[in-house]
């Protein structure tokens, strides 16, 4: 088997996604199995063909549902927030940081949501109801309500939102 740059990026994206959500929750192997079962790499390979934000959001919602179902088969309870972060970190690692130019299609991809990002949302905008959210406990409705509020108040919900994310915190 030839080891390609695409395979290398995929493996690193799987590992990074798993590490970003684990925190005593489940194993890298199980997360990897779910990523492969739902064919997240296929989605990453075809995101450019999506027609726009609603198309991306619909695909994202479908992937989250499939991932939750797949984890359930493994007897692992997965919140919507956790699987959304798996997708976000996978796409960030395999697409966004590999993109040479800022194009409109990468602005469809959701940022990874965690405590650091939520806590550091702009202080001059009332995000009190968002800052108290526990990303690991978000269900589908809470996740999409959060997305709606952030989009309404900041006008974005993509990689640029990570301006509020600082790994050293």
N, C-alpha and C. Protein backbone atom coordinates (compact mmCIF):
# COMPACT_ATOMS: atom_id res chain seq x y z
N UNK A 1 0.85 -1.19 0.00
CA UNK A 1 0.00 0.00 0.00
C UNK A 1 0.89 1.24 0.00
N UNK A 2 0.56 2.17 -0.87
CA UNK A 2 1.28 3.43 -0.90
C UNK A 2 0.75 4.34 0.20
N UNK A 3 1.66 4.94 0.93
CA UNK A 3 1.29 5.86 2.00
C UNK A 3 1.32 7.27 1.44
N UNK A 4 0.14 7.83 1.22
CA UNK A 4 0.03 9.13 0.57
C UNK A 4 -0.12 10.26 1.59
N UNK A 5 0.06 11.46 1.12
CA UNK A 5 -0.14 12.62 1.97
C UNK A 5 -1.60 12.68 2.44
N UNK A 6 -2.52 12.30 1.58
CA UNK A 6 -3.94 12.27 1.95
C UNK A 6 -4.16 11.30 3.12
N UNK A 7 -3.58 10.11 3.05
CA UNK A 7 -3.71 9.14 4.14
C UNK A 7 -3.04 9.66 5.41
N UNK A 8 -1.91 10.30 5.26
CA UNK A 8 -1.19 10.87 6.39
C UNK A 8 -2.04 11.93 7.11
N UNK A 9 -2.64 12.83 6.33
CA UNK A 9 -3.53 13.86 6.89
C UNK A 9 -4.72 13.21 7.57
N UNK A 10 -5.30 12.19 6.94
CA UNK A 10 -6.46 11.50 7.50
C UNK A 10 -6.11 10.89 8.86
N UNK A 11 -5.01 10.20 8.95
CA UNK A 11 -4.63 9.56 10.21
C UNK A 11 -4.40 10.59 11.30
N UNK A 12 -3.75 11.68 10.95
CA UNK A 12 -3.52 12.72 11.94
C UNK A 12 -4.84 13.37 12.36
N UNK A 13 -5.74 13.58 11.41
CA UNK A 13 -7.05 14.17 11.72
C UNK A 13 -7.86 13.26 12.64
N UNK A 14 -7.81 11.96 12.42
CA UNK A 14 -8.50 11.00 13.31
C UNK A 14 -7.93 11.12 14.72
N UNK A 15 -6.61 11.10 14.82
CA UNK A 15 -5.96 11.18 16.13
C UNK A 15 -6.30 12.50 16.83
N UNK A 16 -6.20 13.61 16.11
CA UNK A 16 -6.47 14.92 16.70
C UNK A 16 -7.93 15.02 17.17
N UNK A 17 -8.85 14.49 16.38
CA UNK A 17 -10.26 14.51 16.74
C UNK A 17 -10.51 13.71 18.02
N UNK A 18 -9.91 12.54 18.08
CA UNK A 18 -10.07 11.69 19.26
C UNK A 18 -9.51 12.37 20.51
N UNK A 19 -8.33 12.92 20.40
CA UNK A 19 -7.68 13.56 21.55
C UNK A 19 -8.47 14.79 22.01
N UNK A 20 -9.11 15.48 21.09
CA UNK A 20 -9.85 16.69 21.43
C UNK A 20 -11.11 16.42 22.24
N UNK A 21 -11.66 15.21 22.14
CA UNK A 21 -12.93 14.92 22.83
C UNK A 21 -12.83 13.87 23.92
N UNK A 22 -11.73 13.18 24.04
CA UNK A 22 -11.64 12.02 24.93
C UNK A 22 -11.90 12.34 26.39
N UNK A 23 -10.96 12.92 27.06
CA UNK A 23 -11.08 13.27 28.47
C UNK A 23 -11.81 12.21 29.29
N UNK A 24 -11.33 10.98 29.20
CA UNK A 24 -11.91 9.89 29.97
C UNK A 24 -13.23 9.35 29.44
N UNK A 25 -13.61 9.75 28.24
CA UNK A 25 -14.92 9.37 27.70
C UNK A 25 -14.87 8.01 27.01
N UNK A 26 -14.03 7.84 26.01
CA UNK A 26 -13.91 6.57 25.30
C UNK A 26 -12.53 6.49 24.67
N UNK A 27 -12.29 5.44 23.92
CA UNK A 27 -10.96 5.20 23.38
C UNK A 27 -10.78 5.81 21.98
N UNK A 28 -9.53 6.03 21.63
CA UNK A 28 -9.20 6.49 20.28
C UNK A 28 -9.66 5.48 19.25
N UNK A 29 -9.52 4.20 19.56
CA UNK A 29 -9.94 3.15 18.62
C UNK A 29 -11.43 3.24 18.31
N UNK A 30 -12.26 3.44 19.33
CA UNK A 30 -13.70 3.54 19.09
C UNK A 30 -14.05 4.79 18.30
N UNK A 31 -13.40 5.89 18.62
CA UNK A 31 -13.65 7.13 17.87
C UNK A 31 -13.22 6.95 16.42
N UNK A 32 -12.07 6.33 16.22
CA UNK A 32 -11.58 6.05 14.87
C UNK A 32 -12.56 5.15 14.11
N UNK A 33 -13.06 4.12 14.78
CA UNK A 33 -14.03 3.22 14.14
C UNK A 33 -15.27 3.97 13.68
N UNK A 34 -15.75 4.89 14.51
CA UNK A 34 -16.93 5.67 14.15
C UNK A 34 -16.62 6.60 12.98
N UNK A 35 -15.48 7.27 13.02
CA UNK A 35 -15.09 8.16 11.92
C UNK A 35 -15.05 7.39 10.60
N UNK A 36 -14.50 6.18 10.64
CA UNK A 36 -14.44 5.36 9.42
C UNK A 36 -15.83 4.84 9.02
N UNK A 37 -16.64 4.45 10.00
CA UNK A 37 -17.96 3.91 9.70
C UNK A 37 -18.86 4.94 9.01
N UNK A 38 -18.77 6.20 9.43
CA UNK A 38 -19.62 7.23 8.81
C UNK A 38 -18.97 7.88 7.60
N UNK A 39 -17.75 7.42 7.28
CA UNK A 39 -17.02 7.91 6.10
C UNK A 39 -16.80 9.43 6.15
N UNK A 40 -16.32 9.89 7.29
CA UNK A 40 -16.04 11.31 7.45
C UNK A 40 -15.00 11.79 6.44
N UNK A 41 -14.06 10.93 6.09
CA UNK A 41 -13.06 11.32 5.08
C UNK A 41 -13.70 11.57 3.72
N UNK A 42 -14.76 10.83 3.39
CA UNK A 42 -15.47 11.07 2.13
C UNK A 42 -16.12 12.46 2.15
N UNK A 43 -16.73 12.80 3.27
CA UNK A 43 -17.34 14.12 3.41
C UNK A 43 -16.27 15.21 3.25
N UNK A 44 -15.14 15.01 3.91
CA UNK A 44 -14.04 15.97 3.80
C UNK A 44 -13.59 16.12 2.36
N UNK A 45 -13.65 15.04 1.60
CA UNK A 45 -13.22 15.08 0.21
C UNK A 45 -14.21 15.73 -0.74
N UNK A 46 -15.46 15.86 -0.30
CA UNK A 46 -16.49 16.40 -1.20
C UNK A 46 -17.09 17.71 -0.71
N UNK A 47 -16.57 18.29 0.37
CA UNK A 47 -17.19 19.50 0.92
C UNK A 47 -17.22 20.64 -0.11
N UNK A 48 -16.27 20.68 -1.03
CA UNK A 48 -16.23 21.77 -2.02
C UNK A 48 -17.44 21.74 -2.96
N UNK A 49 -18.06 20.59 -3.09
CA UNK A 49 -19.21 20.48 -3.99
C UNK A 49 -20.52 20.90 -3.33
N UNK A 50 -20.48 21.22 -2.05
CA UNK A 50 -21.70 21.63 -1.36
C UNK A 50 -22.16 22.99 -1.89
N UNK A 51 -23.46 23.19 -1.90
CA UNK A 51 -24.01 24.41 -2.50
C UNK A 51 -23.92 25.64 -1.59
N UNK A 52 -23.76 25.43 -0.29
CA UNK A 52 -23.69 26.58 0.60
C UNK A 52 -23.83 26.16 2.05
N UNK A 53 -24.07 27.15 2.91
CA UNK A 53 -24.12 26.90 4.35
C UNK A 53 -25.21 25.92 4.74
N UNK A 54 -26.41 26.08 4.19
CA UNK A 54 -27.51 25.18 4.56
C UNK A 54 -27.20 23.75 4.15
N UNK A 55 -26.61 23.56 2.99
CA UNK A 55 -26.22 22.23 2.53
C UNK A 55 -25.19 21.63 3.50
N UNK A 56 -24.18 22.44 3.87
CA UNK A 56 -23.18 21.96 4.82
C UNK A 56 -23.84 21.61 6.15
N UNK A 57 -24.69 22.51 6.67
CA UNK A 57 -25.33 22.27 7.96
C UNK A 57 -26.19 21.01 7.93
N UNK A 58 -26.89 20.78 6.83
CA UNK A 58 -27.71 19.56 6.70
C UNK A 58 -26.83 18.31 6.72
N UNK A 59 -25.71 18.35 5.99
CA UNK A 59 -24.77 17.21 5.97
C UNK A 59 -24.17 17.00 7.36
N UNK A 60 -23.84 18.10 8.03
CA UNK A 60 -23.27 18.06 9.38
C UNK A 60 -24.26 17.38 10.33
N UNK A 61 -25.52 17.79 10.25
CA UNK A 61 -26.56 17.22 11.11
C UNK A 61 -26.71 15.72 10.86
N UNK A 62 -26.69 15.33 9.60
CA UNK A 62 -26.79 13.91 9.25
C UNK A 62 -25.60 13.13 9.81
N UNK A 63 -24.39 13.66 9.63
CA UNK A 63 -23.20 12.99 10.16
C UNK A 63 -23.25 12.85 11.68
N UNK A 64 -23.67 13.91 12.36
CA UNK A 64 -23.77 13.85 13.82
C UNK A 64 -24.74 12.74 14.24
N UNK A 65 -25.87 12.67 13.58
CA UNK A 65 -26.84 11.61 13.91
C UNK A 65 -26.28 10.22 13.68
N UNK A 66 -25.59 10.03 12.57
CA UNK A 66 -24.99 8.73 12.28
C UNK A 66 -23.92 8.37 13.31
N UNK A 67 -23.14 9.36 13.72
CA UNK A 67 -22.08 9.10 14.70
C UNK A 67 -22.67 8.72 16.06
N UNK A 68 -23.69 9.45 16.48
CA UNK A 68 -24.35 9.13 17.76
C UNK A 68 -24.90 7.72 17.71
N UNK A 69 -25.56 7.35 16.61
CA UNK A 69 -26.10 5.99 16.46
C UNK A 69 -24.99 4.95 16.50
N UNK A 70 -23.90 5.22 15.82
CA UNK A 70 -22.78 4.26 15.77
C UNK A 70 -22.14 4.08 17.15
N UNK A 71 -21.97 5.18 17.88
CA UNK A 71 -21.45 5.06 19.25
C UNK A 71 -22.40 4.25 20.13
N UNK A 72 -23.70 4.46 19.94
CA UNK A 72 -24.70 3.75 20.74
C UNK A 72 -24.58 2.24 20.52
N UNK A 73 -24.32 1.81 19.28
CA UNK A 73 -24.12 0.39 18.97
C UNK A 73 -22.93 -0.15 19.76
N UNK A 74 -21.95 0.72 20.02
CA UNK A 74 -20.75 0.32 20.77
C UNK A 74 -20.94 0.47 22.29
N UNK A 75 -22.18 0.80 22.69
CA UNK A 75 -22.49 1.04 24.11
C UNK A 75 -21.73 2.24 24.67
N UNK A 76 -21.56 3.26 23.84
CA UNK A 76 -20.92 4.51 24.25
C UNK A 76 -21.93 5.62 24.03
N UNK A 77 -22.26 6.34 25.11
CA UNK A 77 -23.17 7.48 24.98
C UNK A 77 -22.39 8.67 24.45
N UNK A 78 -22.84 9.23 23.34
CA UNK A 78 -22.18 10.36 22.71
C UNK A 78 -23.15 11.53 22.64
N UNK A 79 -22.76 12.66 23.19
CA UNK A 79 -23.58 13.86 23.08
C UNK A 79 -23.39 14.47 21.70
N UNK A 80 -24.33 15.29 21.31
CA UNK A 80 -24.23 16.00 20.04
C UNK A 80 -23.00 16.89 20.03
N UNK A 81 -22.73 17.52 21.17
CA UNK A 81 -21.56 18.39 21.27
C UNK A 81 -20.26 17.66 21.01
N UNK A 82 -20.14 16.43 21.53
CA UNK A 82 -18.91 15.66 21.31
C UNK A 82 -18.73 15.28 19.84
N UNK A 83 -19.78 14.77 19.21
CA UNK A 83 -19.62 14.35 17.81
C UNK A 83 -19.44 15.55 16.90
N UNK A 84 -20.07 16.68 17.23
CA UNK A 84 -19.86 17.91 16.44
C UNK A 84 -18.41 18.34 16.53
N UNK A 85 -17.80 18.18 17.70
CA UNK A 85 -16.40 18.55 17.85
C UNK A 85 -15.49 17.59 17.09
N UNK A 86 -15.83 16.31 17.08
CA UNK A 86 -15.05 15.35 16.29
C UNK A 86 -15.03 15.79 14.83
N UNK A 87 -16.20 16.12 14.30
CA UNK A 87 -16.28 16.56 12.91
C UNK A 87 -15.48 17.84 12.70
N UNK A 88 -15.65 18.80 13.60
CA UNK A 88 -14.97 20.09 13.46
C UNK A 88 -13.45 19.93 13.49
N UNK A 89 -12.93 19.16 14.43
CA UNK A 89 -11.48 19.00 14.53
C UNK A 89 -10.96 18.21 13.34
N UNK A 90 -11.70 17.18 12.92
CA UNK A 90 -11.28 16.41 11.74
C UNK A 90 -11.18 17.33 10.52
N UNK A 91 -12.20 18.13 10.27
CA UNK A 91 -12.20 19.02 9.11
C UNK A 91 -11.17 20.13 9.25
N UNK A 92 -11.00 20.63 10.46
CA UNK A 92 -9.97 21.65 10.69
C UNK A 92 -8.59 21.08 10.34
N UNK A 93 -8.33 19.87 10.81
CA UNK A 93 -7.02 19.25 10.61
C UNK A 93 -6.80 18.83 9.17
N UNK A 94 -7.82 18.28 8.54
CA UNK A 94 -7.63 17.74 7.19
C UNK A 94 -7.87 18.74 6.07
N UNK A 95 -8.60 19.82 6.36
CA UNK A 95 -8.92 20.78 5.30
C UNK A 95 -8.43 22.19 5.61
N UNK A 96 -8.91 22.75 6.69
CA UNK A 96 -8.68 24.18 6.94
C UNK A 96 -7.20 24.51 7.05
N UNK A 97 -6.46 23.79 7.90
CA UNK A 97 -5.06 24.15 8.05
C UNK A 97 -4.21 23.69 6.88
N UNK A 98 -4.79 22.95 5.96
CA UNK A 98 -4.07 22.52 4.76
C UNK A 98 -4.39 23.39 3.56
N UNK A 99 -5.31 24.33 3.72
CA UNK A 99 -5.74 25.17 2.62
C UNK A 99 -4.74 26.30 2.41
N UNK A 100 -4.31 26.47 1.19
CA UNK A 100 -3.32 27.49 0.86
C UNK A 100 -3.91 28.90 0.85
N UNK A 101 -5.16 29.02 0.45
CA UNK A 101 -5.79 30.33 0.38
C UNK A 101 -7.12 30.28 1.12
N UNK A 102 -7.55 31.43 1.59
CA UNK A 102 -8.84 31.52 2.27
C UNK A 102 -9.93 31.51 1.20
N UNK A 103 -10.66 30.42 1.12
CA UNK A 103 -11.74 30.37 0.14
C UNK A 103 -13.09 30.30 0.85
N UNK A 104 -14.13 30.60 0.12
CA UNK A 104 -15.45 30.67 0.74
C UNK A 104 -15.95 29.32 1.24
N UNK A 105 -15.54 28.24 0.63
CA UNK A 105 -16.02 26.93 1.05
C UNK A 105 -15.52 26.54 2.44
N UNK A 106 -14.30 26.93 2.83
CA UNK A 106 -13.86 26.56 4.17
C UNK A 106 -14.60 27.36 5.24
N UNK A 107 -15.28 28.42 4.82
CA UNK A 107 -16.08 29.19 5.78
C UNK A 107 -17.41 28.52 6.09
N UNK A 108 -17.71 27.41 5.44
CA UNK A 108 -18.91 26.64 5.75
C UNK A 108 -18.68 25.74 6.97
N UNK A 109 -17.41 25.39 7.23
CA UNK A 109 -17.06 24.41 8.24
C UNK A 109 -17.16 25.01 9.64
N UNK A 110 -17.85 24.29 10.53
CA UNK A 110 -18.02 24.75 11.90
C UNK A 110 -16.70 24.68 12.67
N UNK A 111 -16.48 25.62 13.59
CA UNK A 111 -15.28 25.56 14.43
C UNK A 111 -15.47 24.52 15.54
N UNK A 112 -14.37 23.99 16.09
CA UNK A 112 -14.49 23.10 17.25
C UNK A 112 -14.95 23.91 18.46
N UNK A 113 -16.00 23.44 19.10
CA UNK A 113 -16.55 24.14 20.26
C UNK A 113 -16.03 23.46 21.52
N UNK A 114 -15.50 24.27 22.43
CA UNK A 114 -15.09 23.75 23.73
C UNK A 114 -15.21 24.87 24.76
N UNK A 115 -14.88 24.57 26.00
CA UNK A 115 -15.02 25.53 27.09
C UNK A 115 -14.19 26.78 26.82
N UNK A 116 -12.98 26.60 26.32
CA UNK A 116 -12.09 27.74 26.08
C UNK A 116 -12.74 28.72 25.09
N UNK A 117 -13.22 28.22 23.97
CA UNK A 117 -13.81 29.09 22.96
C UNK A 117 -15.07 29.77 23.51
N UNK A 118 -15.94 29.00 24.16
CA UNK A 118 -17.18 29.58 24.67
C UNK A 118 -16.91 30.65 25.72
N UNK A 119 -15.96 30.41 26.60
CA UNK A 119 -15.62 31.37 27.66
C UNK A 119 -15.04 32.65 27.09
N UNK A 120 -14.30 32.55 25.99
CA UNK A 120 -13.60 33.71 25.43
C UNK A 120 -14.36 34.44 24.34
N UNK A 121 -15.64 34.15 24.17
CA UNK A 121 -16.42 34.92 23.20
C UNK A 121 -16.39 36.39 23.62
N UNK A 122 -16.54 37.32 22.69
CA UNK A 122 -16.39 38.74 23.01
C UNK A 122 -17.20 39.19 24.24
N UNK A 123 -16.52 39.89 25.13
CA UNK A 123 -17.15 40.35 26.38
C UNK A 123 -18.15 41.47 26.13
N UNK A 124 -17.96 42.23 25.06
CA UNK A 124 -18.84 43.37 24.80
C UNK A 124 -20.17 42.97 24.13
N UNK A 125 -20.33 41.68 23.87
CA UNK A 125 -21.59 41.16 23.31
C UNK A 125 -22.15 40.19 24.34
N UNK A 126 -23.44 40.28 24.61
CA UNK A 126 -24.03 39.44 25.64
C UNK A 126 -24.10 37.98 25.19
N UNK A 127 -23.13 37.20 25.63
CA UNK A 127 -23.10 35.77 25.34
C UNK A 127 -23.27 34.96 26.62
N UNK A 128 -23.90 35.55 27.65
CA UNK A 128 -24.00 34.86 28.94
C UNK A 128 -24.62 33.46 28.81
N UNK A 129 -25.67 33.33 28.00
CA UNK A 129 -26.34 32.03 27.85
C UNK A 129 -25.48 31.03 27.08
N UNK A 130 -24.53 31.51 26.31
CA UNK A 130 -23.62 30.65 25.55
C UNK A 130 -22.41 30.27 26.40
N UNK A 131 -21.87 31.22 27.14
CA UNK A 131 -20.66 30.99 27.91
C UNK A 131 -20.82 29.93 29.00
N UNK A 132 -22.05 29.69 29.44
CA UNK A 132 -22.28 28.69 30.51
C UNK A 132 -22.53 27.29 29.96
N UNK A 133 -22.61 27.15 28.64
CA UNK A 133 -22.88 25.84 28.05
C UNK A 133 -21.72 24.87 28.31
N UNK A 134 -22.06 23.62 28.52
CA UNK A 134 -21.06 22.55 28.62
C UNK A 134 -21.09 21.82 27.29
N UNK A 135 -20.06 22.01 26.48
CA UNK A 135 -20.05 21.46 25.12
C UNK A 135 -20.20 19.95 25.10
N UNK A 136 -19.74 19.25 26.14
CA UNK A 136 -19.85 17.78 26.14
C UNK A 136 -21.28 17.32 26.39
N UNK A 137 -22.14 18.22 26.85
CA UNK A 137 -23.52 17.87 27.16
C UNK A 137 -24.53 18.43 26.16
N UNK A 138 -24.05 19.12 25.14
CA UNK A 138 -24.98 19.71 24.18
C UNK A 138 -25.75 18.63 23.43
N UNK A 139 -27.07 18.82 23.37
CA UNK A 139 -27.86 17.95 22.50
C UNK A 139 -28.05 18.70 21.17
N UNK A 140 -28.72 18.07 20.23
CA UNK A 140 -28.88 18.65 18.90
C UNK A 140 -29.50 20.04 18.94
N UNK A 141 -30.60 20.19 19.68
CA UNK A 141 -31.28 21.48 19.73
C UNK A 141 -30.41 22.57 20.35
N UNK A 142 -29.72 22.24 21.44
CA UNK A 142 -28.85 23.22 22.11
C UNK A 142 -27.69 23.62 21.20
N UNK A 143 -27.13 22.64 20.48
CA UNK A 143 -26.03 22.94 19.57
C UNK A 143 -26.48 23.92 18.49
N UNK A 144 -27.60 23.62 17.83
CA UNK A 144 -28.05 24.47 16.74
C UNK A 144 -28.55 25.83 17.22
N UNK A 145 -29.08 25.89 18.44
CA UNK A 145 -29.46 27.18 19.02
C UNK A 145 -28.21 28.03 19.27
N UNK A 146 -27.14 27.40 19.77
CA UNK A 146 -25.88 28.08 19.98
C UNK A 146 -25.34 28.62 18.65
N UNK A 147 -25.36 27.79 17.61
CA UNK A 147 -24.89 28.20 16.29
C UNK A 147 -25.68 29.42 15.82
N UNK A 148 -26.99 29.36 15.96
CA UNK A 148 -27.86 30.46 15.51
C UNK A 148 -27.52 31.76 16.25
N UNK A 149 -27.36 31.69 17.56
CA UNK A 149 -27.06 32.89 18.35
C UNK A 149 -25.72 33.48 17.95
N UNK A 150 -24.70 32.63 17.83
CA UNK A 150 -23.37 33.13 17.46
C UNK A 150 -23.40 33.73 16.06
N UNK A 151 -24.06 33.07 15.12
CA UNK A 151 -24.14 33.62 13.76
C UNK A 151 -24.87 34.97 13.75
N UNK A 152 -25.95 35.07 14.53
CA UNK A 152 -26.71 36.32 14.57
C UNK A 152 -25.88 37.45 15.17
N UNK A 153 -25.15 37.16 16.23
CA UNK A 153 -24.45 38.23 16.95
C UNK A 153 -23.08 38.56 16.38
N UNK A 154 -22.40 37.60 15.78
CA UNK A 154 -21.07 37.85 15.23
C UNK A 154 -21.02 37.83 13.71
N UNK A 155 -22.05 37.26 13.09
CA UNK A 155 -22.07 37.18 11.64
C UNK A 155 -21.21 36.07 11.07
N UNK A 156 -20.60 35.24 11.93
CA UNK A 156 -19.76 34.12 11.48
C UNK A 156 -19.95 32.92 12.41
N UNK A 157 -19.69 31.76 11.87
CA UNK A 157 -19.57 30.53 12.65
C UNK A 157 -18.68 29.60 11.83
N UNK A 158 -17.40 29.98 11.76
CA UNK A 158 -16.44 29.19 11.00
C UNK A 158 -15.09 29.28 11.69
N UNK A 159 -14.02 28.90 11.02
CA UNK A 159 -12.69 28.84 11.62
C UNK A 159 -12.25 30.17 12.22
N UNK A 160 -12.75 31.28 11.70
CA UNK A 160 -12.35 32.59 12.21
C UNK A 160 -12.81 32.83 13.64
N UNK A 161 -13.84 32.10 14.08
CA UNK A 161 -14.31 32.20 15.46
C UNK A 161 -13.23 31.74 16.44
N UNK A 162 -12.28 30.96 15.96
CA UNK A 162 -11.22 30.47 16.84
C UNK A 162 -10.23 31.57 17.25
N UNK A 163 -10.46 32.78 16.81
CA UNK A 163 -9.72 33.91 17.35
C UNK A 163 -9.90 33.95 18.87
N UNK A 164 -11.05 33.46 19.34
CA UNK A 164 -11.35 33.43 20.77
C UNK A 164 -10.78 32.20 21.47
N UNK A 165 -10.12 31.33 20.73
CA UNK A 165 -9.59 30.08 21.32
C UNK A 165 -8.10 30.22 21.56
N UNK A 166 -7.69 29.96 22.78
CA UNK A 166 -6.27 30.04 23.15
C UNK A 166 -5.89 28.75 23.85
N UNK A 167 -5.06 27.91 23.25
CA UNK A 167 -4.75 26.59 23.82
C UNK A 167 -4.03 26.64 25.15
N UNK A 168 -3.40 27.76 25.46
CA UNK A 168 -2.64 27.82 26.71
C UNK A 168 -3.54 28.07 27.93
N UNK A 169 -4.81 28.32 27.72
CA UNK A 169 -5.74 28.58 28.83
C UNK A 169 -6.18 27.27 29.44
